[in-house]
């Protein structure tokens, strides 16, 4: 078993319809100094969803906490969530106790319920899931677009619907305010999926939060700017874990 004074395990949590391979460019930028684990969430990528795992934020947050604790083997943990993965991080954080040393939220914010935009996102997501050309995933050279095509329908539909519910959205500020560890919130200045103002809004509920805006970047800075993102993360990690 590891020690809470040992080097931390960084855990990357991908967003909706994606997989752990999302983090590959950032992993390369952080290695070998940092141990960065980027699992597929159940029902996404190559990880099947256990039948007993319900498709909601609470259940997936519990799974994340248990999986991170098992992987860390007693070492400190830093959770790094992207987009919807950030909501799972907030649900997992209270379950990790003193083993959790910090959280990083990338392109993850919200906490403001907007009926019409959310309805459009739900409907658009449901339409994509219904008509997505799953056969493309069998063709060679389609690895880059494979994750959305092979995501389990029930998991994808359930997490999208749950994350858009009024109660789930309004719970995010409460979860952020309950954080007992430092948090870093990173957003691209040109992110149109999760605009910077919504990231700043949710970060404002956390007691020990920093917000960093990556100039010119969009919703996937771990792929478009892994070097600058790694620099931001390492600077924060060094100060937070000192």
C-alpha atoms as a PDB file:
ATOM      1  CA  UNK A   1       0.000   0.000   0.000  1.00  0.00           C
ATOM      2  CA  UNK A   2       1.175   3.503  -0.802  1.00  0.00           C
ATOM      3  CA  UNK A   3       1.554   6.426   1.585  1.00  0.00           C
ATOM      4  CA  UNK A   4      -0.354   9.698   1.611  1.00  0.00           C
ATOM      5  CA  UNK A   5       3.090  11.322   1.431  1.00  0.00           C
ATOM      6  CA  UNK A   6       3.887   9.516  -1.836  1.00  0.00           C
ATOM      7  CA  UNK A   7       3.630  11.001  -5.330  1.00  0.00           C
ATOM      8  CA  UNK A   8      -0.033  11.524  -6.265  1.00  0.00           C
ATOM      9  CA  UNK A   9      -2.101   9.677  -8.809  1.00  0.00           C
ATOM     10  CA  UNK A  10      -3.694  12.030 -11.329  1.00  0.00           C
ATOM     11  CA  UNK A  11      -7.018  10.686 -12.601  1.00  0.00           C
ATOM     12  CA  UNK A  12      -8.401  12.059 -15.883  1.00  0.00           C
ATOM     13  CA  UNK A  13     -12.169  11.772 -16.329  1.00  0.00           C
ATOM     14  CA  UNK A  14     -13.442  12.233 -19.867  1.00  0.00           C
ATOM     15  CA  UNK A  15     -16.750  13.792 -20.871  1.00  0.00           C
ATOM     16  CA  UNK A  16     -19.873  12.613 -22.658  1.00  0.00           C
ATOM     17  CA  UNK A  17     -19.424  10.170 -25.577  1.00  0.00           C
ATOM     18  CA  UNK A  18     -15.638  10.304 -25.268  1.00  0.00           C
ATOM     19  CA  UNK A  19     -13.063   7.891 -23.813  1.00  0.00           C
ATOM     20  CA  UNK A  20      -9.774   7.811 -21.978  1.00  0.00           C
ATOM     21  CA  UNK A  21      -7.811   8.270 -25.216  1.00  0.00           C
ATOM     22  CA  UNK A  22      -8.981  11.891 -25.158  1.00  0.00           C
ATOM     23  CA  UNK A  23      -6.105  12.584 -22.746  1.00  0.00           C
ATOM     24  CA  UNK A  24      -3.275  11.005 -24.778  1.00  0.00           C
ATOM     25  CA  UNK A  25      -1.535  14.257 -25.867  1.00  0.00           C
ATOM     26  CA  UNK A  26      -1.683  15.642 -22.316  1.00  0.00           C
ATOM     27  CA  UNK A  27      -0.440  12.343 -20.880  1.00  0.00           C
ATOM     28  CA  UNK A  28       2.620  12.556 -23.127  1.00  0.00           C
ATOM     29  CA  UNK A  29       3.237  16.122 -21.965  1.00  0.00           C
ATOM     30  CA  UNK A  30       3.030  15.150 -18.283  1.00  0.00           C
ATOM     31  CA  UNK A  31       5.072  11.955 -18.410  1.00  0.00           C
ATOM     32  CA  UNK A  32       7.282  10.706 -16.908  1.00  0.00           C
ATOM     33  CA  UNK A  33       7.060  13.086 -13.981  1.00  0.00           C
ATOM     34  CA  UNK A  34       3.378  12.509 -13.217  1.00  0.00           C
ATOM     35  CA  UNK A  35       1.396   9.291 -13.001  1.00  0.00           C
ATOM     36  CA  UNK A  36      -1.706  10.127 -15.055  1.00  0.00           C
ATOM     37  CA  UNK A  37      -4.429   7.456 -15.198  1.00  0.00           C
ATOM     38  CA  UNK A  38      -7.163   8.038 -17.780  1.00  0.00           C
ATOM     39  CA  UNK A  39      -9.754   5.245 -17.599  1.00  0.00           C
ATOM     40  CA  UNK A  40     -12.715   4.762 -19.897  1.00  0.00           C
ATOM     41  CA  UNK A  41     -15.927   5.366 -17.988  1.00  0.00           C
ATOM     42  CA  UNK A  42     -18.229   2.312 -17.886  1.00  0.00           C
ATOM     43  CA  UNK A  43     -20.209   2.084 -21.113  1.00  0.00           C
ATOM     44  CA  UNK A  44     -17.690   4.220 -23.024  1.00  0.00           C
ATOM     45  CA  UNK A  45     -14.518   3.398 -24.907  1.00  0.00           C
ATOM     46  CA  UNK A  46     -13.610  -0.217 -24.229  1.00  0.00           C
ATOM     47  CA  UNK A  47     -15.013  -0.520 -20.709  1.00  0.00           C
ATOM     48  CA  UNK A  48     -18.376  -2.330 -20.448  1.00  0.00           C
ATOM     49  CA  UNK A  49     -20.920  -1.046 -17.957  1.00  0.00           C
ATOM     50  CA  UNK A  50     -21.797  -3.468 -15.134  1.00  0.00           C
ATOM     51  CA  UNK A  51     -25.532  -4.110 -15.113  1.00  0.00           C
ATOM     52  CA  UNK A  52     -25.794  -2.935 -11.511  1.00  0.00           C
ATOM     53  CA  UNK A  53     -24.281   0.489 -12.323  1.00  0.00           C
ATOM     54  CA  UNK A  54     -27.114   2.967 -12.792  1.00  0.00           C
ATOM     55  CA  UNK A  55     -26.737   5.588 -15.482  1.00  0.00           C
ATOM     56  CA  UNK A  56     -26.787   8.737 -13.370  1.00  0.00           C
ATOM     57  CA  UNK A  57     -24.225  11.167 -11.968  1.00  0.00           C
ATOM     58  CA  UNK A  58     -24.407   9.867  -8.407  1.00  0.00           C
ATOM     59  CA  UNK A  59     -23.723   6.252  -9.381  1.00  0.00           C
ATOM     60  CA  UNK A  60     -20.921   7.145 -11.771  1.00  0.00           C
ATOM     61  CA  UNK A  61     -19.392   9.439  -9.141  1.00  0.00           C
ATOM     62  CA  UNK A  62     -19.381   6.538  -6.707  1.00  0.00           C
ATOM     63  CA  UNK A  63     -17.777   4.274  -9.331  1.00  0.00           C
ATOM     64  CA  UNK A  64     -15.108   6.896 -10.001  1.00  0.00           C
ATOM     65  CA  UNK A  65     -14.216   7.255  -6.322  1.00  0.00           C
ATOM     66  CA  UNK A  66     -13.938   3.496  -5.862  1.00  0.00           C
ATOM     67  CA  UNK A  67     -11.901   3.000  -9.045  1.00  0.00           C
ATOM     68  CA  UNK A  68      -9.519   5.846  -8.190  1.00  0.00           C
ATOM     69  CA  UNK A  69      -9.018   4.574  -4.647  1.00  0.00           C
ATOM     70  CA  UNK A  70      -8.261   1.063  -5.909  1.00  0.00           C
ATOM     71  CA  UNK A  71      -5.820   2.329  -8.532  1.00  0.00           C
ATOM     72  CA  UNK A  72      -4.038   4.703  -6.149  1.00  0.00           C
ATOM     73  CA  UNK A  73      -3.330   1.980  -3.563  1.00  0.00           C
ATOM     74  CA  UNK A  74      -3.159   4.474  -0.714  1.00  0.00           C
ATOM     75  CA  UNK A  75      -1.417   7.291  -2.573  1.00  0.00           C
ATOM     76  CA  UNK A  76      -2.850  10.822  -2.745  1.00  0.00           C
ATOM     77  CA  UNK A  77      -5.324  11.493  -5.564  1.00  0.00           C
ATOM     78  CA  UNK A  78      -5.959  14.501  -7.784  1.00  0.00           C
ATOM     79  CA  UNK A  79      -9.102  14.263  -9.904  1.00  0.00           C
ATOM     80  CA  UNK A  80      -9.100  15.983 -13.314  1.00  0.00           C
ATOM     81  CA  UNK A  81     -12.474  16.224 -15.031  1.00  0.00           C
ATOM     82  CA  UNK A  82     -13.400  17.422 -18.509  1.00  0.00           C
ATOM     83  CA  UNK A  83     -16.860  18.764 -19.351  1.00  0.00           C
ATOM     84  CA  UNK A  84     -19.430  16.242 -18.034  1.00  0.00           C
ATOM     85  CA  UNK A  85     -16.539  14.418 -16.379  1.00  0.00           C
ATOM     86  CA  UNK A  86     -16.198  17.461 -14.144  1.00  0.00           C
ATOM     87  CA  UNK A  87     -19.656  16.802 -12.703  1.00  0.00           C
ATOM     88  CA  UNK A  88     -18.583  13.254 -11.888  1.00  0.00           C
ATOM     89  CA  UNK A  89     -15.491  14.646 -10.156  1.00  0.00           C
ATOM     90  CA  UNK A  90     -17.678  16.820  -7.927  1.00  0.00           C
ATOM     91  CA  UNK A  91     -19.799  13.793  -6.997  1.00  0.00           C
ATOM     92  CA  UNK A  92     -16.725  11.632  -6.321  1.00  0.00           C
ATOM     93  CA  UNK A  93     -14.752  14.183  -4.282  1.00  0.00           C
ATOM     94  CA  UNK A  94     -16.606  13.867  -0.933  1.00  0.00           C
ATOM     95  CA  UNK A  95     -16.083  10.095  -0.959  1.00  0.00           C
ATOM     96  CA  UNK A  96     -12.269  10.226  -1.077  1.00  0.00           C
ATOM     97  CA  UNK A  97     -11.638  11.922   2.269  1.00  0.00           C
ATOM     98  CA  UNK A  98      -8.086  12.992   3.057  1.00  0.00           C
ATOM     99  CA  UNK A  99      -6.756  10.913   0.154  1.00  0.00           C
ATOM    100  CA  UNK A 100      -8.021  13.614  -2.216  1.00  0.00           C
ATOM    101  CA  UNK A 101      -5.507  16.478  -2.504  1.00  0.00           C
ATOM    102  CA  UNK A 102      -7.134  18.603  -5.197  1.00  0.00           C
ATOM    103  CA  UNK A 103      -9.373  18.706  -8.226  1.00  0.00           C
ATOM    104  CA  UNK A 104      -8.956  20.207 -11.683  1.00  0.00           C
ATOM    105  CA  UNK A 105     -11.935  21.096 -13.845  1.00  0.00           C
ATOM    106  CA  UNK A 106     -11.318  21.584 -17.561  1.00  0.00           C
ATOM    107  CA  UNK A 107     -14.114  23.131 -19.627  1.00  0.00           C
ATOM    108  CA  UNK A 108     -16.487  22.224 -16.822  1.00  0.00           C
ATOM    109  CA  UNK A 109     -18.860  24.687 -15.219  1.00  0.00           C
ATOM    110  CA  UNK A 110     -22.542  25.527 -15.112  1.00  0.00           C
ATOM    111  CA  UNK A 111     -24.903  25.412 -12.190  1.00  0.00           C
ATOM    112  CA  UNK A 112     -27.416  27.612 -14.000  1.00  0.00           C
ATOM    113  CA  UNK A 113     -30.528  25.839 -15.260  1.00  0.00           C
ATOM    114  CA  UNK A 114     -31.608  27.023 -18.727  1.00  0.00           C
ATOM    115  CA  UNK A 115     -34.739  25.167 -19.925  1.00  0.00           C
ATOM    116  CA  UNK A 116     -34.653  25.988 -23.636  1.00  0.00           C
ATOM    117  CA  UNK A 117     -30.893  25.484 -24.324  1.00  0.00           C
ATOM    118  CA  UNK A 118     -30.854  22.314 -22.242  1.00  0.00           C
ATOM    119  CA  UNK A 119     -33.863  20.956 -24.088  1.00  0.00           C
ATOM    120  CA  UNK A 120     -32.089  21.594 -27.394  1.00  0.00           C
ATOM    121  CA  UNK A 121     -28.980  19.773 -26.198  1.00  0.00           C
ATOM    122  CA  UNK A 122     -31.027  16.805 -24.948  1.00  0.00           C
ATOM    123  CA  UNK A 123     -32.937  16.566 -28.207  1.00  0.00           C
ATOM    124  CA  UNK A 124     -29.801  16.947 -30.306  1.00  0.00           C
ATOM    125  CA  UNK A 125     -27.961  14.303 -28.298  1.00  0.00           C
ATOM    126  CA  UNK A 126     -30.886  11.889 -28.509  1.00  0.00           C
ATOM    127  CA  UNK A 127     -31.103  12.390 -32.273  1.00  0.00           C
ATOM    128  CA  UNK A 128     -27.403  11.688 -32.714  1.00  0.00           C
ATOM    129  CA  UNK A 129     -27.592   8.520 -30.626  1.00  0.00           C
ATOM    130  CA  UNK A 130     -30.583   7.319 -32.624  1.00  0.00           C
ATOM    131  CA  UNK A 131     -29.014   7.864 -36.041  1.00  0.00           C
ATOM    132  CA  UNK A 132     -25.259   7.572 -35.453  1.00  0.00           C
ATOM    133  CA  UNK A 133     -23.566   5.350 -38.065  1.00  0.00           C
ATOM    134  CA  UNK A 134     -22.171   2.719 -35.699  1.00  0.00           C
ATOM    135  CA  UNK A 135     -20.869   0.677 -38.649  1.00  0.00           C
ATOM    136  CA  UNK A 136     -18.145   3.271 -39.196  1.00  0.00           C
ATOM    137  CA  UNK A 137     -16.418   2.046 -36.039  1.00  0.00           C
ATOM    138  CA  UNK A 138     -15.594  -1.216 -37.826  1.00  0.00           C
ATOM    139  CA  UNK A 139     -13.667   0.489 -40.618  1.00  0.00           C
ATOM    140  CA  UNK A 140      -9.880   0.899 -40.448  1.00  0.00           C
ATOM    141  CA  UNK A 141      -8.579   4.390 -39.731  1.00  0.00           C
ATOM    142  CA  UNK A 142     -11.616   5.540 -37.744  1.00  0.00           C
ATOM    143  CA  UNK A 143     -10.045   5.371 -34.270  1.00  0.00           C
ATOM    144  CA  UNK A 144     -10.272   9.143 -33.827  1.00  0.00           C
ATOM    145  CA  UNK A 145     -14.075   9.120 -34.148  1.00  0.00           C
ATOM    146  CA  UNK A 146     -14.737   5.702 -32.645  1.00  0.00           C
ATOM    147  CA  UNK A 147     -15.739   6.715 -29.104  1.00  0.00           C
ATOM    148  CA  UNK A 148     -19.059   8.431 -29.945  1.00  0.00           C
ATOM    149  CA  UNK A 149     -19.974   5.552 -32.252  1.00  0.00           C
ATOM    150  CA  UNK A 150     -19.473   2.722 -29.760  1.00  0.00           C
ATOM    151  CA  UNK A 151     -20.716   4.333 -26.537  1.00  0.00           C
ATOM    152  CA  UNK A 152     -23.406   2.212 -24.915  1.00  0.00           C
ATOM    153  CA  UNK A 153     -26.804   3.682 -25.756  1.00  0.00           C
ATOM    154  CA  UNK A 154     -28.256   3.381 -22.257  1.00  0.00           C
ATOM    155  CA  UNK A 155     -25.193   4.898 -20.576  1.00  0.00           C
ATOM    156  CA  UNK A 156     -24.950   7.768 -23.047  1.00  0.00           C
ATOM    157  CA  UNK A 157     -28.657   8.535 -22.959  1.00  0.00           C
ATOM    158  CA  UNK A 158     -28.914   8.224 -19.178  1.00  0.00           C
ATOM    159  CA  UNK A 159     -25.959  10.471 -18.303  1.00  0.00           C
ATOM    160  CA  UNK A 160     -27.026  13.141 -20.790  1.00  0.00           C
ATOM    161  CA  UNK A 161     -30.595  13.211 -19.477  1.00  0.00           C
ATOM    162  CA  UNK A 162     -29.472  13.208 -15.830  1.00  0.00           C
ATOM    163  CA  UNK A 163     -26.948  16.011 -16.305  1.00  0.00           C
ATOM    164  CA  UNK A 164     -29.619  18.221 -17.876  1.00  0.00           C
ATOM    165  CA  UNK A 165     -32.214  17.808 -15.129  1.00  0.00           C
ATOM    166  CA  UNK A 166     -33.053  20.860 -13.057  1.00  0.00           C
ATOM    167  CA  UNK A 167     -32.125  19.185  -9.769  1.00  0.00           C
ATOM    168  CA  UNK A 168     -28.763  17.895 -11.035  1.00  0.00           C
ATOM    169  CA  UNK A 169     -27.794  21.281 -12.467  1.00  0.00           C
ATOM    170  CA  UNK A 170     -28.726  23.150  -9.304  1.00  0.00           C
ATOM    171  CA  UNK A 171     -26.817  20.635  -7.189  1.00  0.00           C
ATOM    172  CA  UNK A 172     -23.481  21.553  -8.779  1.00  0.00           C
ATOM    173  CA  UNK A 173     -22.980  24.808  -6.819  1.00  0.00           C
ATOM    174  CA  UNK A 174     -23.684  22.963  -3.579  1.00  0.00           C
ATOM    175  CA  UNK A 175     -21.113  20.300  -4.443  1.00  0.00           C
ATOM    176  CA  UNK A 176     -18.556  22.937  -5.378  1.00  0.00           C
ATOM    177  CA  UNK A 177     -19.141  24.803  -2.106  1.00  0.00           C
ATOM    178  CA  UNK A 178     -18.533  21.589  -0.147  1.00  0.00           C
ATOM    179  CA  UNK A 179     -15.052  21.040  -1.594  1.00  0.00           C
ATOM    180  CA  UNK A 180     -12.417  20.813   1.131  1.00  0.00           C
ATOM    181  CA  UNK A 181      -9.422  20.767  -1.235  1.00  0.00           C
ATOM    182  CA  UNK A 182      -7.935  23.349  -3.617  1.00  0.00           C
ATOM    183  CA  UNK A 183      -9.399  23.432  -7.116  1.00  0.00           C
ATOM    184  CA  UNK A 184      -8.170  24.653 -10.491  1.00  0.00           C
ATOM    185  CA  UNK A 185     -10.671  25.596 -13.196  1.00  0.00           C
ATOM    186  CA  UNK A 186      -9.327  25.786 -16.754  1.00  0.00           C
ATOM    187  CA  UNK A 187     -11.297  27.033 -19.751  1.00  0.00           C
ATOM    188  CA  UNK A 188     -10.487  28.045 -23.301  1.00  0.00           C
ATOM    189  CA  UNK A 189     -11.295  31.650 -24.144  1.00  0.00           C
ATOM    190  CA  UNK A 190     -13.033  30.483 -27.340  1.00  0.00           C
ATOM    191  CA  UNK A 191     -14.947  27.575 -25.816  1.00  0.00           C
ATOM    192  CA  UNK A 192     -18.500  27.792 -27.165  1.00  0.00           C
ATOM    193  CA  UNK A 193     -19.649  24.558 -25.523  1.00  0.00           C
ATOM    194  CA  UNK A 194     -18.847  25.678 -21.982  1.00  0.00           C
ATOM    195  CA  UNK A 195     -18.322  29.424 -22.075  1.00  0.00           C
ATOM    196  CA  UNK A 196     -15.784  30.928 -19.638  1.00  0.00           C
ATOM    197  CA  UNK A 197     -18.482  32.841 -17.743  1.00  0.00           C
ATOM    198  CA  UNK A 198     -20.180  29.585 -16.725  1.00  0.00           C
ATOM    199  CA  UNK A 199     -16.867  28.085 -15.566  1.00  0.00           C
ATOM    200  CA  UNK A 200     -16.179  31.189 -13.478  1.00  0.00           C
ATOM    201  CA  UNK A 201     -19.715  31.052 -12.089  1.00  0.00           C
ATOM    202  CA  UNK A 202     -19.348  27.524 -10.722  1.00  0.00           C
ATOM    203  CA  UNK A 203     -15.754  28.068  -9.579  1.00  0.00           C
ATOM    204  CA  UNK A 204     -17.008  30.983  -7.518  1.00  0.00           C
ATOM    205  CA  UNK A 205     -18.749  28.587  -5.138  1.00  0.00           C
ATOM    206  CA  UNK A 206     -15.499  26.784  -4.243  1.00  0.00           C
ATOM    207  CA  UNK A 207     -13.616  28.224  -1.276  1.00  0.00           C
ATOM    208  CA  UNK A 208     -10.073  27.697  -2.591  1.00  0.00           C
ATOM    209  CA  UNK A 209     -10.362  28.016  -6.356  1.00  0.00           C
ATOM    210  CA  UNK A 210      -8.182  29.356  -9.148  1.00  0.00           C
ATOM    211  CA  UNK A 211      -9.439  30.019 -12.667  1.00  0.00           C
ATOM    212  CA  UNK A 212      -7.108  29.986 -15.668  1.00  0.00           C
ATOM    213  CA  UNK A 213      -8.231  30.960 -19.148  1.00  0.00           C
ATOM    214  CA  UNK A 214      -6.285  29.545 -22.092  1.00  0.00           C
ATOM    215  CA  UNK A 215      -6.230  32.237 -24.770  1.00  0.00           C
ATOM    216  CA  UNK A 216      -7.526  31.125 -28.149  1.00  0.00           C
ATOM    217  CA  UNK A 217      -8.430  27.586 -27.076  1.00  0.00           C
ATOM    218  CA  UNK A 218     -11.778  25.822 -27.355  1.00  0.00           C
ATOM    219  CA  UNK A 219     -13.459  22.895 -25.618  1.00  0.00           C
ATOM    220  CA  UNK A 220     -10.633  20.337 -25.966  1.00  0.00           C
ATOM    221  CA  UNK A 221      -7.395  22.023 -24.828  1.00  0.00           C
ATOM    222  CA  UNK A 222      -5.909  18.671 -23.785  1.00  0.00           C
ATOM    223  CA  UNK A 223      -5.717  17.899 -27.502  1.00  0.00           C
ATOM    224  CA  UNK A 224      -5.279  21.329 -29.090  1.00  0.00           C
ATOM    225  CA  UNK A 225      -2.810  22.735 -26.539  1.00  0.00           C
ATOM    226  CA  UNK A 226      -1.381  19.913 -24.389  1.00  0.00           C
ATOM    227  CA  UNK A 227       1.882  21.736 -23.755  1.00  0.00           C
ATOM    228  CA  UNK A 228       0.417  24.990 -22.384  1.00  0.00           C
ATOM    229  CA  UNK A 229      -2.206  23.033 -20.434  1.00  0.00           C
ATOM    230  CA  UNK A 230       0.460  20.786 -18.903  1.00  0.00           C
ATOM    231  CA  UNK A 231       2.417  23.883 -17.858  1.00  0.00           C
ATOM    232  CA  UNK A 232      -0.643  25.315 -16.106  1.00  0.00           C
ATOM    233  CA  UNK A 233      -1.354  22.006 -14.371  1.00  0.00           C
ATOM    234  CA  UNK A 234       2.223  21.446 -13.226  1.00  0.00           C
ATOM    235  CA  UNK A 235       2.513  24.952 -11.814  1.00  0.00           C
ATOM    236  CA  UNK A 236      -0.692  24.462  -9.829  1.00  0.00           C
ATOM    237  CA  UNK A 237       0.213  20.928  -8.719  1.00  0.00           C
ATOM    238  CA  UNK A 238       3.614  22.017  -7.443  1.00  0.00           C
ATOM    239  CA  UNK A 239       2.062  24.770  -5.324  1.00  0.00           C
ATOM    240  CA  UNK A 240      -0.891  22.686  -4.153  1.00  0.00           C
ATOM    241  CA  UNK A 241       1.057  19.575  -3.192  1.00  0.00           C
ATOM    242  CA  UNK A 242       4.008  21.393  -1.605  1.00  0.00           C
END
